[in-house]
């Protein structure tokens, strides 16, 4: 009877659990690709879909009570932040390293700018309401991910018009949606960010593909980053957590071979799939040439990729690729040949020139690697410490002045200590040409209290963003085609911070001397000490010496007289 009751209770609980999960779906996917320079890129994607859910209407924020939310697979802590600040769409990335577009091509997740980048779409009837919620969501995410996102304040916040269209749908509430974007090139990803990131997954790092996220191997990679993406689709609210890294098996291998596997890349294997995941898939992009072997045998090969389904298999998986010969670098050929247009249709170089600390020149060199004309949307979000002079813009195509190649300029002036500058324009690159874009800039003179502790190092400037445009529709070609340039380091006029220390040391020395002298005068007791001996003693001693001398003289005279007689 007791066994029957326990069986009925367990059956009831399992049915309730199934009913709770009917509106939530979790999928995980891993994509691995071997690059032409011997490196391997790995992209983890963990997607949770909350079906039939919509973002919160910001007009309900005036009421304290909200609709009760119960999540089983959806991360609760993140859901509370989204509901509290009525966020429609959210994107957060923390990256470290420089993504090499010319060799690695486009990444699976386009947001690969160095440092921290945060942007959100929010609806509201007033700008002040949106700014208050933007500040709140920054602080909330900073606490959730243990990151310094609070530094993404008003001095780093911008609202670009064209560069970041919404990736999902925006609800039609009759309210305008506003974009807030901020980046901080000095904030890199580390272990303290990965730990709360894994806690947002249903299975944590105990099972599924998340078991491969070994922090020792992730942060040893040549490039690594984590991301959070929240979208609203017609099916519901989607949360996608992703991890990207570029590993170098040649550096790890003792034989200098390009071979890789789960164990060699992550020092782990997939022992079991996540039990609540509806799909656990691994895709391996097959090399275009050469002799190689992919193991174990793929379950499906389609469009040049090998697919594995790890959901219904309880065995340990160690997927990998082997080459019979050693890897050969093609440094000379790569240096002489132009970049492959199939990877990225253009190349970009960005520099801040100028020998002085008050003036400079922003120089951008773009090379079109294809025959067709290419239009790029150029975005520059610059802190107020660097100010643009738009009347000095110079555009050259193959050393020929071409002012007609820049159009649709949008510029938001910076406000010192309050707002950065936002510069957007469209650049047209003729086929197989090199375009040079430059303009003069002014560097601000900061107060000595505004300098960071490492003032002599300089200030990190956020990367520029280039997006290819569809010439017929004048809109971005695809959301995954953005190109981030490396960050820049600007050298501002820096005071001699050693002078305060010199003044402090000199002042302290003088004060110590004065205080010591005054203290001695006030606390010491002066006593007169006679150094000369008493006069009577000295006279007696002199008289005794004279008597001894007279006696000796008389004795000598008596001796001489006796000798004469």
Protein backbone atom coordinates (compact mmCIF):
# COMPACT_ATOMS: atom_id res chain seq x y z
CA UNK A 1 0.00 0.00 0.00
CA UNK A 2 2.84 2.38 0.88
CA UNK A 3 4.65 1.59 -2.36
CA UNK A 4 1.49 2.25 -4.35
CA UNK A 5 1.01 5.62 -2.65
CA UNK A 6 4.62 6.66 -3.31
CA UNK A 7 4.26 5.64 -6.95
CA UNK A 8 1.08 7.70 -7.37
CA UNK A 9 2.73 10.74 -5.72
CA UNK A 10 5.78 10.50 -7.97
CA UNK A 11 3.56 10.12 -11.01
CA UNK A 12 1.57 13.21 -9.96
CA UNK A 13 4.72 15.25 -9.42
CA UNK A 14 6.14 14.23 -12.79
CA UNK A 15 2.89 15.20 -14.51
CA UNK A 16 2.92 18.60 -12.78
CA UNK A 17 6.54 19.09 -13.83
CA UNK A 18 5.65 18.30 -17.43
CA UNK A 19 2.75 20.77 -17.32
CA UNK A 20 5.07 23.48 -15.95
CA UNK A 21 7.62 22.84 -18.69
CA UNK A 22 5.09 22.89 -21.50
CA UNK A 23 5.66 26.64 -22.04
CA UNK A 24 9.45 26.53 -21.64
CA UNK A 25 12.02 25.01 -23.95
CA UNK A 26 15.79 24.76 -23.58
CA UNK A 27 18.27 23.94 -26.35
CA UNK A 28 22.06 23.83 -26.42
CA UNK A 29 24.35 23.83 -29.42
CA UNK A 30 28.10 23.81 -30.00
CA UNK A 31 29.71 24.83 -33.29
CA UNK A 32 33.40 24.10 -33.93
CA UNK A 33 35.41 25.26 -36.91
CA UNK A 34 39.07 24.81 -37.88
CA UNK A 35 40.64 28.04 -39.14
CA UNK A 36 43.24 28.39 -41.83
CA UNK A 37 45.94 29.58 -39.41
CA UNK A 38 45.69 26.37 -37.38
CA UNK A 39 43.42 27.73 -34.66
CA UNK A 40 39.98 26.40 -33.73
CA UNK A 41 36.94 28.52 -32.93
CA UNK A 42 34.25 27.15 -30.61
CA UNK A 43 30.84 28.75 -30.16
CA UNK A 44 28.49 27.57 -27.38
CA UNK A 45 24.84 28.62 -27.53
CA UNK A 46 22.29 27.96 -24.76
CA UNK A 47 18.77 29.08 -25.74
CA UNK A 48 15.75 29.20 -23.44
CA UNK A 49 12.34 30.05 -24.94
CA UNK A 50 9.47 31.20 -22.74
CA UNK A 51 6.48 30.56 -24.99
CA UNK A 52 3.52 32.93 -25.23
CA UNK A 53 5.29 35.50 -23.07
CA UNK A 54 5.58 39.20 -23.87
CA UNK A 55 7.73 41.94 -22.31
CA UNK A 56 6.21 44.08 -19.61
CA UNK A 57 4.37 47.22 -20.66
CA UNK A 58 6.28 50.18 -19.16
CA UNK A 59 2.99 51.91 -18.30
CA UNK A 60 2.38 49.25 -15.63
CA UNK A 61 5.54 50.29 -13.79
CA UNK A 62 3.49 52.92 -11.98
CA UNK A 63 1.73 50.09 -10.16
CA UNK A 64 3.67 48.15 -7.57
CA UNK A 65 1.95 44.86 -8.32
CA UNK A 66 3.06 42.85 -11.33
CA UNK A 67 1.75 39.63 -12.81
CA UNK A 68 3.23 36.69 -10.94
CA UNK A 69 5.95 34.94 -12.89
CA UNK A 70 6.89 31.32 -12.33
CA UNK A 71 9.89 29.94 -14.18
CA UNK A 72 11.23 26.41 -14.33
CA UNK A 73 13.93 26.61 -17.01
CA UNK A 74 13.97 30.35 -17.57
CA UNK A 75 16.58 32.06 -15.30
CA UNK A 76 14.63 33.60 -12.42
CA UNK A 77 17.16 36.30 -11.46
CA UNK A 78 17.32 37.55 -15.05
CA UNK A 79 13.55 37.42 -15.46
CA UNK A 80 13.08 39.63 -12.41
CA UNK A 81 15.41 42.27 -13.87
CA UNK A 82 13.63 42.22 -17.22
CA UNK A 83 10.22 42.63 -15.57
CA UNK A 84 11.31 45.27 -13.07
CA UNK A 85 12.72 47.61 -15.73
CA UNK A 86 10.41 46.64 -18.64
CA UNK A 87 13.19 45.67 -21.04
CA UNK A 88 12.08 44.67 -24.54
CA UNK A 89 15.47 43.64 -25.94
CA UNK A 90 18.85 43.33 -24.23
CA UNK A 91 22.39 42.50 -25.37
CA UNK A 92 25.42 42.21 -23.07
CA UNK A 93 28.90 41.00 -24.07
CA UNK A 94 32.20 40.73 -22.19
CA UNK A 95 35.18 39.99 -24.45
CA UNK A 96 38.96 39.87 -24.21
CA UNK A 97 41.31 39.88 -27.19
CA UNK A 98 41.31 41.05 -30.79
CA UNK A 99 39.16 39.25 -33.35
CA UNK A 100 41.14 38.80 -36.57
CA UNK A 101 38.53 39.20 -39.32
CA UNK A 102 41.02 38.81 -42.17
CA UNK A 103 42.00 35.30 -41.01
CA UNK A 104 39.04 34.06 -38.98
CA UNK A 105 36.16 35.61 -40.94
CA UNK A 106 32.88 36.63 -39.33
CA UNK A 107 32.15 35.16 -35.87
CA UNK A 108 28.99 33.25 -35.08
CA UNK A 109 27.99 36.00 -32.64
CA UNK A 110 28.74 39.43 -34.15
CA UNK A 111 29.33 41.34 -30.89
CA UNK A 112 33.07 40.77 -30.50
CA UNK A 113 34.20 44.28 -29.52
CA UNK A 114 36.90 44.32 -26.86
CA UNK A 115 35.71 44.98 -23.32
CA UNK A 116 32.12 45.34 -22.14
CA UNK A 117 29.24 46.35 -24.42
CA UNK A 118 25.63 46.79 -23.36
CA UNK A 119 22.61 47.92 -25.34
CA UNK A 120 18.90 47.72 -24.70
CA UNK A 121 15.64 48.62 -26.43
CA UNK A 122 13.05 50.13 -24.09
CA UNK A 123 9.67 51.71 -24.63
CA UNK A 124 8.57 54.78 -22.75
CA UNK A 125 6.58 57.99 -22.93
CA UNK A 126 9.45 60.17 -21.70
CA UNK A 127 13.22 60.28 -22.02
CA UNK A 128 13.69 60.63 -18.26
CA UNK A 129 11.80 57.41 -17.62
CA UNK A 130 13.98 55.50 -20.09
CA UNK A 131 17.18 56.96 -18.65
CA UNK A 132 16.17 56.00 -15.10
CA UNK A 133 15.43 52.42 -16.16
CA UNK A 134 18.68 52.31 -18.13
CA UNK A 135 20.60 53.22 -15.01
CA UNK A 136 18.73 50.60 -13.01
CA UNK A 137 19.33 47.77 -15.46
CA UNK A 138 23.04 48.65 -15.61
CA UNK A 139 23.40 48.35 -11.86
CA UNK A 140 21.30 45.20 -11.71
CA UNK A 141 23.35 43.43 -14.38
CA UNK A 142 26.56 44.58 -12.68
CA UNK A 143 25.48 42.77 -9.54
CA UNK A 144 24.25 39.73 -11.44
CA UNK A 145 27.46 39.17 -13.42
CA UNK A 146 29.97 40.66 -10.92
CA UNK A 147 31.14 43.14 -13.58
CA UNK A 148 31.91 46.87 -13.45
CA UNK A 149 28.90 47.78 -15.58
CA UNK A 150 28.13 50.69 -13.30
CA UNK A 151 30.91 52.57 -15.11
CA UNK A 152 28.72 52.58 -18.24
CA UNK A 153 27.16 55.81 -17.04
CA UNK A 154 25.86 58.84 -18.92
CA UNK A 155 29.39 59.74 -20.02
CA UNK A 156 29.53 56.51 -22.06
CA UNK A 157 25.88 56.15 -23.13
CA UNK A 158 24.80 56.87 -26.71
CA UNK A 159 21.75 56.29 -28.92
CA UNK A 160 22.85 55.40 -32.49
CA UNK A 161 20.14 55.63 -35.11
CA UNK A 162 21.08 52.95 -37.67
CA UNK A 163 23.91 50.73 -36.47
CA UNK A 164 21.93 48.56 -34.02
CA UNK A 165 18.48 47.67 -35.38
CA UNK A 166 16.38 45.42 -33.14
CA UNK A 167 17.15 41.74 -33.71
CA UNK A 168 13.72 40.68 -32.52
CA UNK A 169 10.24 42.18 -32.70
CA UNK A 170 9.09 45.26 -30.78
CA UNK A 171 5.59 45.20 -29.21
CA UNK A 172 3.10 47.73 -30.52
CA UNK A 173 2.08 49.51 -27.34
CA UNK A 174 1.62 52.90 -28.92
CA UNK A 175 4.83 54.07 -27.27
CA UNK A 176 8.13 54.88 -29.01
CA UNK A 177 11.08 52.57 -28.41
CA UNK A 178 14.47 54.05 -27.60
CA UNK A 179 17.94 52.47 -27.87
CA UNK A 180 20.61 52.89 -25.23
CA UNK A 181 24.15 51.75 -26.00
CA UNK A 182 27.34 51.91 -23.93
CA UNK A 183 30.77 50.28 -24.09
CA UNK A 184 33.87 50.17 -21.91
CA UNK A 185 37.04 48.86 -23.56
CA UNK A 186 38.89 48.39 -20.26
CA UNK A 187 36.38 45.91 -18.75
CA UNK A 188 37.46 42.37 -19.67
CA UNK A 189 35.88 39.03 -18.89
CA UNK A 190 37.29 36.85 -16.12
CA UNK A 191 36.37 33.89 -13.91
CA UNK A 192 34.17 35.93 -11.59
CA UNK A 193 31.92 36.67 -14.60
CA UNK A 194 31.77 33.04 -15.80
CA UNK A 195 30.56 31.64 -12.47
CA UNK A 196 27.28 33.62 -12.31
CA UNK A 197 26.92 33.08 -16.06
CA UNK A 198 26.79 29.29 -15.55
CA UNK A 199 24.26 29.66 -12.75
CA UNK A 200 21.73 30.98 -15.28
CA UNK A 201 21.68 27.60 -17.08
CA UNK A 202 19.13 24.96 -16.04
CA UNK A 203 21.78 22.25 -15.62
CA UNK A 204 24.51 24.65 -14.50
CA UNK A 205 27.83 23.01 -15.46
CA UNK A 206 26.90 19.57 -14.15
CA UNK A 207 25.74 18.05 -17.44
CA UNK A 208 25.34 18.85 -21.10
CA UNK A 209 27.63 21.00 -23.19
CA UNK A 210 28.25 23.36 -20.26
CA UNK A 211 30.55 20.73 -18.72
CA UNK A 212 33.10 21.68 -21.38
CA UNK A 213 33.33 25.26 -20.08
CA UNK A 214 36.57 24.78 -18.19
CA UNK A 215 37.74 28.22 -17.01
CA UNK A 216 41.40 27.18 -17.17
CA UNK A 217 41.09 26.49 -20.90
CA UNK A 218 38.64 29.28 -21.74
CA UNK A 219 40.77 32.06 -20.33
CA UNK A 220 43.91 30.53 -21.82
CA UNK A 221 42.48 30.93 -25.34
CA UNK A 222 43.75 33.55 -27.79
CA UNK A 223 40.29 35.17 -27.81
CA UNK A 224 37.33 34.53 -25.51
CA UNK A 225 34.05 36.15 -24.60
CA UNK A 226 30.60 35.57 -23.10
CA UNK A 227 27.29 37.11 -24.09
CA UNK A 228 23.66 37.48 -23.01
CA UNK A 229 20.92 38.19 -25.56
CA UNK A 230 17.22 38.68 -24.77
CA UNK A 231 14.77 38.96 -27.69
CA UNK A 232 11.04 38.96 -28.17
CA UNK A 233 9.74 36.83 -31.01
CA UNK A 234 6.21 35.85 -31.99
CA UNK A 235 6.76 32.53 -30.19
CA UNK A 236 7.70 34.24 -26.92
CA UNK A 237 10.66 35.68 -25.03
CA UNK A 238 14.00 34.13 -25.95
CA UNK A 239 17.15 34.22 -23.81
CA UNK A 240 20.38 33.13 -25.49
CA UNK A 241 23.59 32.68 -23.52
CA UNK A 242 26.68 32.20 -25.64
CA UNK A 243 30.39 31.56 -25.09
CA UNK A 244 32.95 32.01 -27.88
CA UNK A 245 36.64 31.26 -27.85
CA UNK A 246 39.50 30.80 -30.30
CA UNK A 247 41.94 28.10 -29.19
CA UNK A 248 45.37 27.27 -30.55
CA UNK A 249 45.90 23.48 -30.63
CA UNK A 250 49.36 24.00 -32.11
CA UNK A 251 50.45 25.70 -28.89
CA UNK A 252 49.01 22.89 -26.78
CA UNK A 253 50.20 19.98 -28.93
CA UNK A 254 53.69 18.61 -28.32
CA UNK A 255 53.90 17.30 -31.90
CA UNK A 256 52.98 20.63 -33.54
CA UNK A 257 49.84 19.19 -35.15
CA UNK A 258 46.46 20.75 -35.80
CA UNK A 259 44.57 17.84 -34.23
CA UNK A 260 41.91 18.74 -31.72
CA UNK A 261 39.28 17.07 -29.58
CA UNK A 262 37.06 17.91 -26.64
CA UNK A 263 39.73 16.64 -24.28
CA UNK A 264 42.57 18.60 -25.89
CA UNK A 265 40.59 21.86 -26.17
CA UNK A 266 38.68 21.81 -22.88
CA UNK A 267 40.39 19.04 -20.87
CA UNK A 268 36.94 17.49 -20.45
CA UNK A 269 34.40 15.27 -22.18
CA UNK A 270 30.60 15.36 -22.37
CA UNK A 271 29.65 12.58 -20.00
CA UNK A 272 25.87 13.04 -20.25
CA UNK A 273 23.36 15.38 -21.83
CA UNK A 274 21.33 17.92 -19.91
CA UNK A 275 18.11 16.06 -18.95
CA UNK A 276 15.84 19.09 -19.41
CA UNK A 277 17.29 20.08 -22.81
CA UNK A 278 15.05 19.31 -25.76
CA UNK A 279 18.08 19.29 -28.07
CA UNK A 280 21.85 18.87 -27.54
CA UNK A 281 23.67 19.18 -30.85
CA UNK A 282 27.27 19.57 -31.96
CA UNK A 283 28.21 20.72 -35.46
CA UNK A 284 31.73 20.51 -36.88
CA UNK A 285 32.52 22.51 -40.01
CA UNK A 286 34.54 20.29 -42.32
CA UNK A 287 37.77 21.68 -43.85
CA UNK A 288 37.63 22.60 -47.53
CA UNK A 289 40.83 20.78 -48.49
CA UNK A 290 43.37 18.30 -47.21
CA UNK A 291 43.18 14.81 -45.78
CA UNK A 292 41.60 14.54 -42.34
CA UNK A 293 39.41 12.28 -40.22
CA UNK A 294 36.50 13.29 -38.01
CA UNK A 295 35.70 10.97 -35.12
CA UNK A 296 33.42 9.47 -34.07
CA UNK A 297 31.46 8.85 -37.24
CA UNK A 298 29.04 11.76 -37.81
CA UNK A 299 25.36 11.04 -37.56
CA UNK A 300 24.64 13.49 -40.40
CA UNK A 301 26.67 15.46 -42.93
CA UNK A 302 24.94 18.41 -44.54
CA UNK A 303 26.17 21.64 -46.18
CA UNK A 304 29.78 20.91 -45.33
CA UNK A 305 29.10 20.26 -41.64
CA UNK A 306 29.10 17.11 -39.53
CA UNK A 307 26.27 16.92 -36.98
CA UNK A 308 26.02 14.98 -33.73
CA UNK A 309 22.96 14.57 -31.51
CA UNK A 310 24.04 13.95 -27.93
CA UNK A 311 20.56 13.92 -26.42
CA UNK A 312 19.66 10.23 -26.48
CA UNK A 313 23.15 8.84 -25.88
CA UNK A 314 24.52 8.06 -22.44
CA UNK A 315 28.10 7.44 -23.52
CA UNK A 316 30.96 9.90 -23.05
CA UNK A 317 31.55 12.02 -26.14
CA UNK A 318 35.01 13.15 -27.25
CA UNK A 319 34.49 14.57 -30.75
CA UNK A 320 37.61 15.59 -32.64
CA UNK A 321 39.47 15.89 -35.94
CA UNK A 322 42.83 14.41 -36.92
CA UNK A 323 45.29 15.22 -39.74
CA UNK A 324 47.95 12.72 -40.90
CA UNK A 325 50.59 15.41 -41.50
CA UNK A 326 51.96 18.31 -39.48
CA UNK A 327 50.53 21.76 -39.94
CA UNK A 328 52.50 24.15 -42.15
CA UNK A 329 52.35 27.89 -41.67
CA UNK A 330 51.97 29.99 -44.81
CA UNK A 331 53.30 33.23 -43.43
CA UNK A 332 54.97 34.46 -46.62
CA UNK A 333 52.00 33.68 -48.82
CA UNK A 334 49.57 35.22 -46.33
CA UNK A 335 51.63 38.40 -46.11
CA UNK A 336 51.87 38.84 -49.87
CA UNK A 337 48.33 37.82 -50.83
CA UNK A 338 45.31 40.04 -50.04
CA UNK A 339 42.63 38.86 -47.57
CA UNK A 340 40.08 36.38 -48.83
CA UNK A 341 36.89 38.24 -49.91
CA UNK A 342 34.90 35.13 -48.98
CA UNK A 343 35.75 35.72 -45.30
CA UNK A 344 35.25 39.50 -45.06
CA UNK A 345 34.63 41.74 -48.10
CA UNK A 346 36.74 44.58 -46.68
CA UNK A 347 39.64 45.30 -44.32
CA UNK A 348 39.95 48.21 -41.93
CA UNK A 349 42.78 49.90 -40.01
CA UNK A 350 42.13 52.64 -37.45
CA UNK A 351 44.77 54.85 -35.81
CA UNK A 352 44.99 58.01 -33.73
CA UNK A 353 47.95 60.03 -34.97
CA UNK A 354 49.72 63.15 -33.70
CA UNK A 355 52.80 63.82 -31.55
CA UNK A 356 51.20 66.36 -29.21
CA UNK A 357 48.88 65.85 -26.24
CA UNK A 358 46.33 68.47 -27.22
CA UNK A 359 45.79 67.78 -30.95
CA UNK A 360 45.64 64.71 -33.15
CA UNK A 361 44.25 63.08 -36.25
CA UNK A 362 41.85 60.15 -36.50
CA UNK A 363 42.82 58.06 -39.54
CA UNK A 364 40.84 55.13 -40.99
CA UNK A 365 42.02 53.08 -43.98
CA UNK A 366 39.42 50.82 -45.67
CA UNK A 367 40.25 48.33 -48.42
CA UNK A 368 37.55 46.82 -50.63
CA UNK A 369 38.58 43.23 -51.42
CA UNK A 370 35.90 42.62 -54.05
CA UNK A 371 35.07 43.96 -57.46
CA UNK A 372 31.66 45.43 -56.60
CA UNK A 373 31.08 48.76 -54.92
CA UNK A 374 30.51 48.45 -51.19
CA UNK A 375 28.65 50.77 -48.84
CA UNK A 376 29.49 50.75 -45.13
CA UNK A 377 27.69 52.25 -42.18
CA UNK A 378 30.37 53.82 -39.99
CA UNK A 379 29.73 54.37 -36.26
CA UNK A 380 32.08 56.18 -33.89
CA UNK A 381 31.14 56.63 -30.22
CA UNK A 382 33.87 58.76 -28.70
CA UNK A 383 34.11 59.96 -25.08
CA UNK A 384 34.04 63.71 -24.56
CA UNK A 385 37.81 63.72 -23.89
CA UNK A 386 38.32 63.50 -27.69
CA UNK A 387 36.39 66.03 -29.79
CA UNK A 388 35.94 65.90 -33.58
CA UNK A 389 36.39 68.77 -36.05
CA UNK A 390 33.95 67.81 -38.80
CA UNK A 391 35.06 70.62 -41.11
CA UNK A 392 38.46 68.89 -41.42
CA UNK A 393 37.08 65.62 -42.83
CA UNK A 394 39.23 64.41 -45.72
CA UNK A 395 38.35 61.43 -47.92
CA UNK A 396 40.75 59.94 -50.49
CA UNK A 397 40.25 56.95 -52.75
CA UNK A 398 43.58 55.58 -54.03
CA UNK A 399 45.22 58.92 -53.09
CA UNK A 400 42.60 60.90 -55.07
CA UNK A 401 40.36 63.35 -53.13
CA UNK A 402 36.76 62.06 -53.18
CA UNK A 403 34.46 63.99 -50.86
CA UNK A 404 31.44 62.40 -52.55
CA UNK A 405 32.21 59.01 -50.98
CA UNK A 406 30.94 60.09 -47.55
CA UNK A 407 27.24 60.84 -47.03
CA UNK A 408 24.38 60.79 -44.50
CA UNK A 409 26.48 62.27 -41.73
CA UNK A 410 24.82 62.31 -38.31
CA UNK A 411 26.68 63.88 -35.41
CA UNK A 412 25.71 64.39 -31.77
CA UNK A 413 27.95 66.88 -30.04
CA UNK A 414 29.67 65.81 -26.82
CA UNK A 415 29.00 67.57 -23.54
CA UNK A 416 32.01 67.74 -21.20
CA UNK A 417 31.54 65.57 -18.12
CA UNK A 418 28.05 64.58 -19.31
CA UNK A 419 27.74 62.99 -22.78
CA UNK A 420 29.98 61.36 -25.42
CA UNK A 421 30.02 62.14 -29.13
CA UNK A 422 28.14 59.99 -31.64
CA UNK A 423 29.22 60.08 -35.28
CA UNK A 424 27.44 58.06 -37.99
CA UNK A 425 27.93 58.21 -41.74
CA UNK A 426 27.80 56.10 -44.88
CA UNK A 427 31.07 55.41 -46.70
CA UNK A 428 31.14 54.20 -50.31
CA UNK A 429 34.07 52.00 -51.34
CA UNK A 430 34.64 51.49 -55.09
CA UNK A 431 35.64 48.00 -56.15
CA UNK A 432 39.27 47.00 -55.50
CA UNK A 433 40.14 50.35 -53.98
CA UNK A 434 41.56 51.77 -50.76
CA UNK A 435 39.68 54.59 -49.04
CA UNK A 436 41.32 56.85 -46.45
CA UNK A 437 39.10 58.78 -44.05
CA UNK A 438 40.69 61.29 -41.66
CA UNK A 439 39.76 64.28 -39.54
CA UNK A 440 41.41 66.39 -36.87
CA UNK A 441 40.57 65.90 -33.21
CA UNK A 442 41.19 67.84 -30.01
CA UNK A 443 42.17 66.23 -26.73
CA UNK A 444 40.64 67.58 -23.56
CA UNK A 445 42.62 68.92 -20.63
CA UNK A 446 41.37 67.11 -17.53
CA UNK A 447 41.40 68.13 -13.92
CA UNK A 448 43.96 66.30 -11.86
CA UNK A 449 41.15 64.60 -9.90
CA UNK A 450 39.68 63.09 -13.12
CA UNK A 451 42.73 61.04 -14.05
CA UNK A 452 42.69 57.30 -13.35
CA UNK A 453 45.24 55.73 -10.98
CA UNK A 454 47.37 54.63 -13.95
CA UNK A 455 47.26 58.05 -15.61
CA UNK A 456 50.54 57.56 -17.49
CA UNK A 457 49.09 54.57 -19.36
CA UNK A 458 46.46 56.61 -21.18
CA UNK A 459 42.72 56.28 -21.86
CA UNK A 460 41.07 53.40 -23.73
CA UNK A 461 38.78 54.51 -26.56
CA UNK A 462 35.92 52.25 -27.70
CA UNK A 463 36.18 50.49 -31.07
CA UNK A 464 34.58 51.78 -34.24
CA UNK A 465 31.87 49.67 -35.88
CA UNK A 466 31.41 49.10 -39.63
CA UNK A 467 28.30 47.44 -41.06
CA UNK A 468 27.89 46.55 -44.77
CA UNK A 469 24.70 48.00 -46.24
CA UNK A 470 22.28 46.61 -48.75
CA UNK A 471 22.56 49.27 -51.46
CA UNK A 472 19.03 48.77 -52.74
CA UNK A 473 17.34 49.00 -49.33
CA UNK A 474 19.99 51.12 -47.55
CA UNK A 475 19.85 48.87 -44.50
CA UNK A 476 22.29 46.41 -42.90
CA UNK A 477 22.83 43.26 -44.94
CA UNK A 478 22.70 40.90 -41.96
CA UNK A 479 22.94 41.18 -38.21
CA UNK A 480 26.09 39.04 -38.19
CA UNK A 481 28.14 41.19 -40.54
CA UNK A 482 29.29 43.91 -38.13
CA UNK A 483 33.03 44.54 -37.95
CA UNK A 484 34.63 45.90 -34.78
CA UNK A 485 38.00 47.61 -34.93
CA UNK A 486 40.51 47.27 -32.08
CA UNK A 487 40.32 49.85 -29.32
CA UNK A 488 42.64 52.85 -29.28
CA UNK A 489 44.82 54.31 -26.54
CA UNK A 490 44.92 58.10 -26.29
CA UNK A 491 47.63 59.99 -24.42
CA UNK A 492 46.24 63.08 -22.71
CA UNK A 493 48.11 65.90 -21.00
CA UNK A 494 49.04 64.44 -17.63
CA UNK A 495 50.32 66.49 -14.68
CA UNK A 496 53.43 65.51 -12.74
CA UNK A 497 51.84 63.48 -10.00
CA UNK A 498 55.24 63.15 -8.25
CA UNK A 499 55.25 66.86 -7.24
CA UNK A 500 52.56 66.47 -4.55
CA UNK A 501 54.59 63.68 -3.00
CA UNK A 502 57.75 65.81 -3.09
CA UNK A 503 55.90 68.69 -1.43
CA UNK A 504 54.48 66.35 1.19
CA UNK A 505 57.90 64.91 1.99
CA UNK A 506 59.56 68.36 2.20
CA UNK A 507 56.75 69.77 4.35
CA UNK A 508 56.82 66.80 6.69
CA UNK A 509 60.60 67.14 7.10
CA UNK A 510 60.35 70.87 7.98
CA UNK A 511 57.47 70.26 10.36
CA UNK A 512 59.36 67.42 12.06
CA UNK A 513 62.44 69.67 12.52
CA UNK A 514 60.41 72.57 13.94
CA UNK A 515 58.33 70.34 16.18
CA UNK A 516 61.40 68.55 17.50
CA UNK A 517 63.19 71.79 18.31
CA UNK A 518 60.19 73.35 20.08
CA UNK A 519 59.52 70.11 21.95
CA UNK A 520 63.09 69.99 23.23
CA UNK A 521 62.94 73.62 24.42
CA UNK A 522 59.67 73.06 26.25
CA UNK A 523 60.41 69.72 27.90
CA UNK A 524 64.16 69.73 28.69
CA UNK A 525 65.55 71.00 32.06
CA UNK A 526 68.78 73.01 31.76
CA UNK A 527 71.45 72.58 34.58
CA UNK A 528 74.78 74.52 34.81
CA UNK A 529 77.69 72.09 35.01
CA UNK A 530 81.19 73.34 36.12
CA UNK A 531 83.89 71.82 34.00
CA UNK A 532 87.04 73.55 35.78
CA UNK A 533 88.50 71.81 38.97
CA UNK A 534 88.65 73.72 42.37
CA UNK A 535 91.53 76.25 42.72
CA UNK A 536 92.90 75.09 46.22
CA UNK A 537 93.46 71.54 45.01
CA UNK A 538 95.35 72.73 41.94
CA UNK A 539 97.55 75.08 44.08
CA UNK A 540 98.49 72.34 46.56
CA UNK A 541 99.41 70.06 43.74
CA UNK A 542 101.63 72.81 42.20
CA UNK A 543 103.34 73.49 45.56
CA UNK A 544 104.15 69.80 46.05
CA UNK A 545 105.67 69.66 42.60
CA UNK A 546 107.83 72.74 43.43
CA UNK A 547 109.03 71.22 46.76
CA UNK A 548 110.04 68.02 45.04
CA UNK A 549 111.94 70.00 42.47
CA UNK A 550 113.85 72.08 45.12
CA UNK A 551 114.88 68.99 47.06
CA UNK A 552 116.27 67.35 43.97
CA UNK A 553 118.26 70.47 43.11
CA UNK A 554 119.84 70.76 46.59
CA UNK A 555 120.91 67.13 46.50
CA UNK A 556 122.68 67.63 43.19
CA UNK A 557 124.59 70.71 44.57
CA UNK A 558 125.81 68.85 47.66
CA UNK A 559 127.11 66.01 45.54
CA UNK A 560 129.06 68.39 43.30
CA UNK A 561 130.74 70.17 46.26
CA UNK A 562 131.95 66.98 47.86
CA UNK A 563 133.58 66.01 44.63
CA UNK A 564 135.53 69.31 44.44
CA UNK A 565 137.02 68.97 47.88
